[in-house]
C-alpha cells in the first residue's frame, strides 16, 4: 500500500486551464501588435524600402498570432475573438485628434481593414504551414 501512495505522489497535477477571457485578450493584443507592425512595414515600403529589423519584428508578431490560433481551444471562434478583442486594443490607440481629423466613422473602418488584412496574412501562413 505504501508503494501506491508513493507512486501517486510522483504524478504532477495537470495545470489549471487558462480562462477563455485571458486567451481572447492575448489574441486581441497579438492582432493589434501584428496590425501595427504591418502598418509600419507599409509605411517603410512607401518611403523607399522595408528595413530588415521591421521585417523580422513583423514576422515574430505574425508567428505569435499563428501559434495562438493553433493552440486556441476548439470551442473558441478565433476570428470573432480576434475581431472583438483586436478591435478593443486598436481602439485604445486612436486618440481624439485622430477622430477629429478623419471623422467619427474612420476609426471603425480602419480597425476593420487592419484586422481583416492581419487575419489574411495569418491565413496565408496557416496555409503555407499546412503544406
Protein backbone atom coordinates (compact mmCIF):
# COMPACT_ATOMS: atom_id res chain seq x y z
CA UNK A 1 0.00 0.00 0.00
CA UNK A 2 2.84 2.39 0.77
CA UNK A 3 4.21 1.95 -2.76
CA UNK A 4 0.91 3.04 -4.26
CA UNK A 5 0.91 6.21 -2.20
CA UNK A 6 4.46 6.98 -3.26
CA UNK A 7 3.62 6.41 -6.92
CA UNK A 8 0.68 8.76 -6.71
CA UNK A 9 2.84 11.48 -5.25
CA UNK A 10 5.13 11.35 -8.30
CA UNK A 11 2.33 12.29 -10.66
CA UNK A 12 2.06 16.05 -11.09
CA UNK A 13 -1.42 17.50 -11.27
CA UNK A 14 -2.47 18.87 -14.63
CA UNK A 15 -2.10 22.64 -14.86
CA UNK A 16 -5.29 24.59 -14.39
CA UNK A 17 -6.86 25.59 -17.71
CA UNK A 18 -6.35 29.20 -18.75
CA UNK A 19 -9.64 31.12 -18.61
CA UNK A 20 -11.00 31.79 -22.09
CA UNK A 21 -11.13 35.55 -21.49
CA UNK A 22 -7.35 35.54 -20.97
CA UNK A 23 -6.87 33.65 -24.23
CA UNK A 24 -9.14 36.09 -26.05
CA UNK A 25 -7.29 39.08 -24.63
CA UNK A 26 -3.95 37.58 -25.67
CA UNK A 27 -5.36 37.08 -29.17
CA UNK A 28 -6.57 40.70 -29.27
CA UNK A 29 -3.20 42.03 -28.17
CA UNK A 30 -1.45 39.87 -30.76
CA UNK A 31 -3.82 41.02 -33.52
CA UNK A 32 -3.22 44.67 -32.65
CA UNK A 33 0.52 44.07 -32.45
CA UNK A 34 0.53 42.44 -35.91
CA UNK A 35 -1.65 45.16 -37.39
CA UNK A 36 0.63 47.94 -36.17
CA UNK A 37 3.72 46.09 -37.42
CA UNK A 38 2.11 45.69 -40.84
CA UNK A 39 1.32 49.43 -40.87
CA UNK A 40 4.94 50.27 -40.12
CA UNK A 41 6.03 47.93 -42.89
CA UNK A 42 3.70 49.51 -45.44
CA UNK A 43 4.86 52.97 -44.40
CA UNK A 44 8.50 51.96 -44.82
CA UNK A 45 7.80 50.41 -48.23
CA UNK A 46 6.23 53.67 -49.40
CA UNK A 47 9.22 55.60 -48.05
CA UNK A 48 11.70 53.59 -50.07
CA UNK A 49 12.16 50.17 -48.52
CA UNK A 50 11.41 47.82 -45.70
CA UNK A 51 14.10 47.71 -43.02
CA UNK A 52 15.32 44.21 -42.07
CA UNK A 53 14.51 44.89 -38.40
CA UNK A 54 10.90 45.73 -39.28
CA UNK A 55 10.61 42.60 -41.39
CA UNK A 56 11.99 40.48 -38.52
CA UNK A 57 9.74 42.09 -35.90
CA UNK A 58 6.67 41.72 -38.10
CA UNK A 59 7.49 38.06 -38.70
CA UNK A 60 7.82 37.42 -34.97
CA UNK A 61 4.49 39.09 -34.26
CA UNK A 62 2.75 37.13 -37.02
CA UNK A 63 4.27 33.90 -35.71
CA UNK A 64 2.95 34.64 -32.22
CA UNK A 65 -0.57 35.13 -33.60
CA UNK A 66 -0.24 31.98 -35.71
CA UNK A 67 0.68 29.92 -32.62
CA UNK A 68 -2.15 31.45 -30.62
CA UNK A 69 -4.51 30.37 -33.39
CA UNK A 70 -3.05 26.87 -33.46
CA UNK A 71 -3.35 26.49 -29.69
CA UNK A 72 -6.79 28.05 -29.34
CA UNK A 73 -9.45 25.87 -27.75
CA UNK A 74 -11.68 24.07 -30.25
CA UNK A 75 -14.79 25.80 -28.90
CA UNK A 76 -13.31 29.29 -29.43
CA UNK A 77 -14.33 31.13 -32.59
CA UNK A 78 -10.88 32.55 -33.27
CA UNK A 79 -11.95 35.13 -35.86
CA UNK A 80 -14.74 36.51 -33.68
CA UNK A 81 -12.37 36.80 -30.71
CA UNK A 82 -9.66 38.34 -32.91
CA UNK A 83 -12.04 40.96 -34.30
CA UNK A 84 -13.65 41.83 -30.97
CA UNK A 85 -10.52 41.89 -28.81
CA UNK A 86 -8.20 43.17 -31.55
CA UNK A 87 -10.66 45.99 -32.18
CA UNK A 88 -10.77 46.80 -28.48
CA UNK A 89 -6.99 47.13 -28.33
CA UNK A 90 -6.71 49.07 -31.59
CA UNK A 91 -9.45 51.49 -30.47
CA UNK A 92 -7.32 52.35 -27.46
CA UNK A 93 -4.56 53.51 -29.86
CA UNK A 94 -6.71 56.17 -31.54
CA UNK A 95 -6.94 59.49 -29.76
CA UNK A 96 -9.43 62.34 -30.07
CA UNK A 97 -7.21 64.05 -32.64
CA UNK A 98 -7.48 61.03 -34.95
CA UNK A 99 -11.28 61.21 -34.90
CA UNK A 100 -11.25 65.00 -35.32
CA UNK A 101 -9.04 64.72 -38.41
CA UNK A 102 -10.70 61.69 -40.01
CA UNK A 103 -14.28 61.71 -38.74
CA UNK A 104 -16.15 59.53 -36.24
CA UNK A 105 -16.51 56.52 -38.54
CA UNK A 106 -12.92 56.46 -39.75
CA UNK A 107 -11.67 54.56 -36.73
CA UNK A 108 -14.05 51.64 -37.15
CA UNK A 109 -13.37 51.45 -40.88
CA UNK A 110 -9.63 51.49 -40.26
CA UNK A 111 -9.84 48.91 -37.47
CA UNK A 112 -11.90 46.57 -39.63
CA UNK A 113 -9.43 46.89 -42.51
CA UNK A 114 -6.40 46.36 -40.25
CA UNK A 115 -7.88 43.25 -38.65
CA UNK A 116 -9.05 41.84 -41.98
CA UNK A 117 -5.59 42.21 -43.51
CA UNK A 118 -3.86 40.85 -40.40
CA UNK A 119 -6.06 37.76 -40.39
CA UNK A 120 -5.46 37.33 -44.14
CA UNK A 121 -1.71 37.23 -43.50
CA UNK A 122 -2.17 34.64 -40.76
CA UNK A 123 -4.43 32.62 -43.08
CA UNK A 124 -1.64 32.58 -45.68
CA UNK A 125 0.89 31.47 -43.06
CA UNK A 126 -1.51 28.75 -41.90
CA UNK A 127 -1.97 27.50 -45.47
CA UNK A 128 1.79 27.54 -46.07
CA UNK A 129 2.48 25.62 -42.85
CA UNK A 130 -0.15 23.01 -43.76
CA UNK A 131 1.74 22.09 -46.95
